[in-house]
Amino acid sequence: MLTYREAIASDLPAICALGEEVNALHHAAFPQVFAGAGAADRDATHWTRSIGQDDATTFVAEAQGVLVGFVTVGIVVESHSLLQPMRFGRVGSVGITRSHRGRGIGPALMQRAHDWVARRGGVEMRLNVWAFNTHALHVYEELGYDVRSLTLVKPLTDDV
């Protein structure tokens, strides 16, 4: 049976481990951008910023008490003079253990993130997805996300 809840500090080691699994996929595609495997607690500070904050949180999925998925989400208040003022949610990371993919955990976690942002006055959700991650892009499109912008990259040296 799957259960969903907001993350707490004691979830940090499991979030770090699953975050490393997500990062390994990104490192395989873009080793010049994403760090390789590191110590188990290397990214603890990064993930801690999204646990139980007023403007950011993490939702987790558990199966028999084991963390099998997470989504990080934060509130952004846009106030740049060239843009319309807006309060929106930004998904930071989504990770589902390989053994639990394809069971609807990602969409269920995303719905919790959507609801959390809406309760805080957010009017839309945003996220970034890397071009190699076509499966994730498809899932996000099924959830109603549309491509709004593209990031283009041109290396200026041979070592990038």
Protein backbone atom coordinates (compact mmCIF):
# COMPACT_ATOMS: atom_id res chain seq x y z
CA MET A 1 0.00 0.00 0.00
CA LEU A 2 1.27 3.46 -0.90
CA THR A 3 1.02 6.43 1.43
CA TYR A 4 1.84 10.07 0.74
CA ARG A 5 2.87 12.82 3.15
CA GLU A 6 5.08 15.86 3.57
CA ALA A 7 8.70 15.01 4.23
CA ILE A 8 10.26 15.44 7.66
CA ALA A 9 13.90 15.78 8.67
CA SER A 10 14.30 12.06 9.33
CA ASP A 11 13.49 11.39 5.64
CA LEU A 12 16.68 13.17 4.58
CA PRO A 13 18.91 10.07 4.16
CA ALA A 14 16.30 8.35 1.96
CA ILE A 15 15.74 11.54 -0.06
CA CYS A 16 19.51 11.88 -0.54
CA ALA A 17 19.73 8.27 -1.75
CA LEU A 18 16.86 8.67 -4.21
CA GLY A 19 18.19 12.06 -5.28
CA GLU A 20 21.47 10.33 -6.11
CA GLU A 21 19.55 7.85 -8.29
CA VAL A 22 17.94 10.77 -10.15
CA ASN A 23 21.28 12.55 -10.47
CA ALA A 24 22.91 9.42 -11.90
CA LEU A 25 20.46 9.52 -14.83
CA HIS A 26 21.33 13.16 -15.44
CA HIS A 27 25.07 12.54 -15.04
CA ALA A 28 24.90 9.73 -17.61
CA ALA A 29 23.32 12.13 -20.13
CA PHE A 30 25.37 15.24 -19.29
CA PRO A 31 28.52 14.36 -17.30
CA GLN A 32 29.93 17.78 -18.12
CA VAL A 33 27.02 19.37 -16.21
CA PHE A 34 25.98 16.93 -13.46
CA ALA A 35 28.32 15.63 -10.75
CA GLY A 36 29.06 11.93 -10.51
CA ALA A 37 28.23 9.79 -7.50
CA GLY A 38 29.30 11.21 -4.16
CA ALA A 39 29.10 10.56 -0.45
CA ALA A 40 25.66 9.57 0.84
CA ASP A 41 25.18 12.92 2.58
CA ARG A 42 26.81 15.13 -0.08
CA ASP A 43 23.51 16.72 -1.12
CA ALA A 44 21.88 16.92 2.33
CA THR A 45 22.08 20.72 2.45
CA HIS A 46 20.43 20.97 -0.96
CA TRP A 47 17.48 18.73 0.00
CA THR A 48 17.11 20.24 3.48
CA ARG A 49 16.15 23.58 1.90
CA SER A 50 12.97 21.93 0.61
CA ILE A 51 11.76 20.20 3.75
CA GLY A 52 9.03 21.89 5.77
CA GLN A 53 9.77 25.51 4.87
CA ASP A 54 7.14 28.23 4.54
CA ASP A 55 7.97 28.68 0.85
CA ALA A 56 9.17 25.17 -0.04
CA THR A 57 8.42 21.58 0.85
CA THR A 58 8.89 18.00 -0.25
CA PHE A 59 6.22 15.34 -0.59
CA VAL A 60 7.17 11.68 -0.30
CA ALA A 61 5.59 8.38 -1.25
CA GLU A 62 6.13 5.34 0.95
CA ALA A 63 5.53 1.63 0.38
CA GLN A 64 5.63 -0.47 3.56
CA GLY A 65 7.47 2.34 5.34
CA VAL A 66 10.16 2.69 2.65
CA LEU A 67 10.47 5.96 0.73
CA VAL A 68 9.89 5.21 -2.97
CA GLY A 69 9.33 8.69 -4.40
CA PHE A 70 9.53 12.40 -3.77
CA VAL A 71 8.79 15.79 -5.30
CA THR A 72 10.23 19.12 -4.18
CA VAL A 73 8.23 22.29 -4.72
CA GLY A 74 8.59 25.94 -3.86
CA ILE A 75 6.74 29.21 -4.17
CA VAL A 76 8.15 31.93 -6.43
CA VAL A 77 6.92 35.52 -6.47
CA GLU A 78 7.71 37.13 -9.82
CA SER A 79 8.09 40.89 -9.63
CA HIS A 80 10.52 41.77 -12.42
CA SER A 81 9.59 44.99 -14.21
CA LEU A 82 9.43 43.27 -17.61
CA LEU A 83 7.07 40.52 -16.45
CA GLN A 84 3.56 40.37 -15.10
CA PRO A 85 3.56 40.06 -11.31
CA MET A 86 2.73 36.48 -10.43
CA ARG A 87 2.91 33.96 -7.61
CA PHE A 88 3.59 30.44 -8.87
CA GLY A 89 4.96 27.07 -7.89
CA ARG A 90 8.22 25.66 -9.15
CA VAL A 91 8.89 21.93 -9.04
CA GLY A 92 12.54 21.34 -8.27
CA SER A 93 13.00 17.59 -8.51
CA VAL A 94 10.92 14.47 -8.91
CA GLY A 95 12.29 11.03 -8.16
CA ILE A 96 10.68 7.60 -8.16
CA THR A 97 12.66 4.45 -7.39
CA ARG A 98 13.22 2.31 -10.45
CA SER A 99 11.25 -0.55 -8.86
CA HIS A 100 8.15 1.64 -8.39
CA ARG A 101 8.00 3.54 -11.67
CA GLY A 102 4.89 3.22 -13.80
CA ARG A 103 2.52 2.94 -10.83
CA GLY A 104 1.15 6.49 -10.85
CA ILE A 105 3.36 7.70 -8.00
CA GLY A 106 4.76 10.65 -9.96
CA PRO A 107 1.35 12.04 -10.91
CA ALA A 108 0.09 11.53 -7.33
CA LEU A 109 3.07 13.42 -5.91
CA MET A 110 2.64 16.17 -8.50
CA GLN A 111 -1.02 16.57 -7.51
CA ARG A 112 0.05 17.11 -3.90
CA ALA A 113 2.53 19.74 -5.07
CA HIS A 114 -0.19 21.44 -7.17
CA ASP A 115 -2.58 21.49 -4.21
CA TRP A 116 0.11 22.85 -1.86
CA VAL A 117 0.90 25.72 -4.25
CA ALA A 118 -2.78 26.52 -4.87
CA ARG A 119 -3.41 26.76 -1.11
CA ARG A 120 -0.62 29.35 -0.98
CA GLY A 121 -2.11 31.50 -3.72
CA GLY A 122 -0.08 30.18 -6.64
CA VAL A 123 -1.73 30.57 -10.04
CA GLU A 124 0.41 28.16 -12.07
CA MET A 125 3.14 25.54 -11.84
CA ARG A 126 6.49 25.57 -13.61
CA LEU A 127 9.28 23.07 -13.96
CA ASN A 128 12.31 22.34 -16.08
CA VAL A 129 12.94 19.02 -17.78
CA TRP A 130 16.11 18.05 -19.62
CA ALA A 131 15.75 17.22 -23.32
CA PHE A 132 17.07 13.66 -22.88
CA ASN A 133 14.31 12.87 -20.36
CA THR A 134 11.55 12.22 -22.87
CA HIS A 135 9.63 9.93 -20.51
CA ALA A 136 9.34 12.69 -17.90
CA LEU A 137 8.37 15.22 -20.57
CA HIS A 138 5.57 12.90 -21.69
CA VAL A 139 4.32 12.47 -18.11
CA TYR A 140 4.31 16.24 -17.55
CA GLU A 141 2.42 16.81 -20.80
CA GLU A 142 -0.17 14.23 -19.68
CA LEU A 143 -0.52 16.27 -16.47
CA GLY A 144 -1.35 19.38 -18.53
CA TYR A 145 2.06 21.06 -18.75
CA ASP A 146 2.99 22.86 -21.97
CA VAL A 147 6.42 23.84 -23.24
CA ARG A 148 6.80 27.58 -22.73
CA SER A 149 10.53 28.09 -23.28
CA LEU A 150 13.62 26.23 -24.43
CA THR A 151 17.19 26.59 -23.18
CA LEU A 152 19.84 26.44 -25.90
CA VAL A 153 23.50 25.76 -25.15
CA LYS A 154 26.63 26.37 -27.20
CA PRO A 155 29.95 25.16 -25.75
CA LEU A 156 32.76 27.69 -26.07
CA THR A 157 35.55 25.27 -25.18
CA ASP A 158 36.24 21.61 -25.95
CA ASP A 159 36.09 20.56 -22.28
CA VAL A 160 32.43 21.49 -21.72
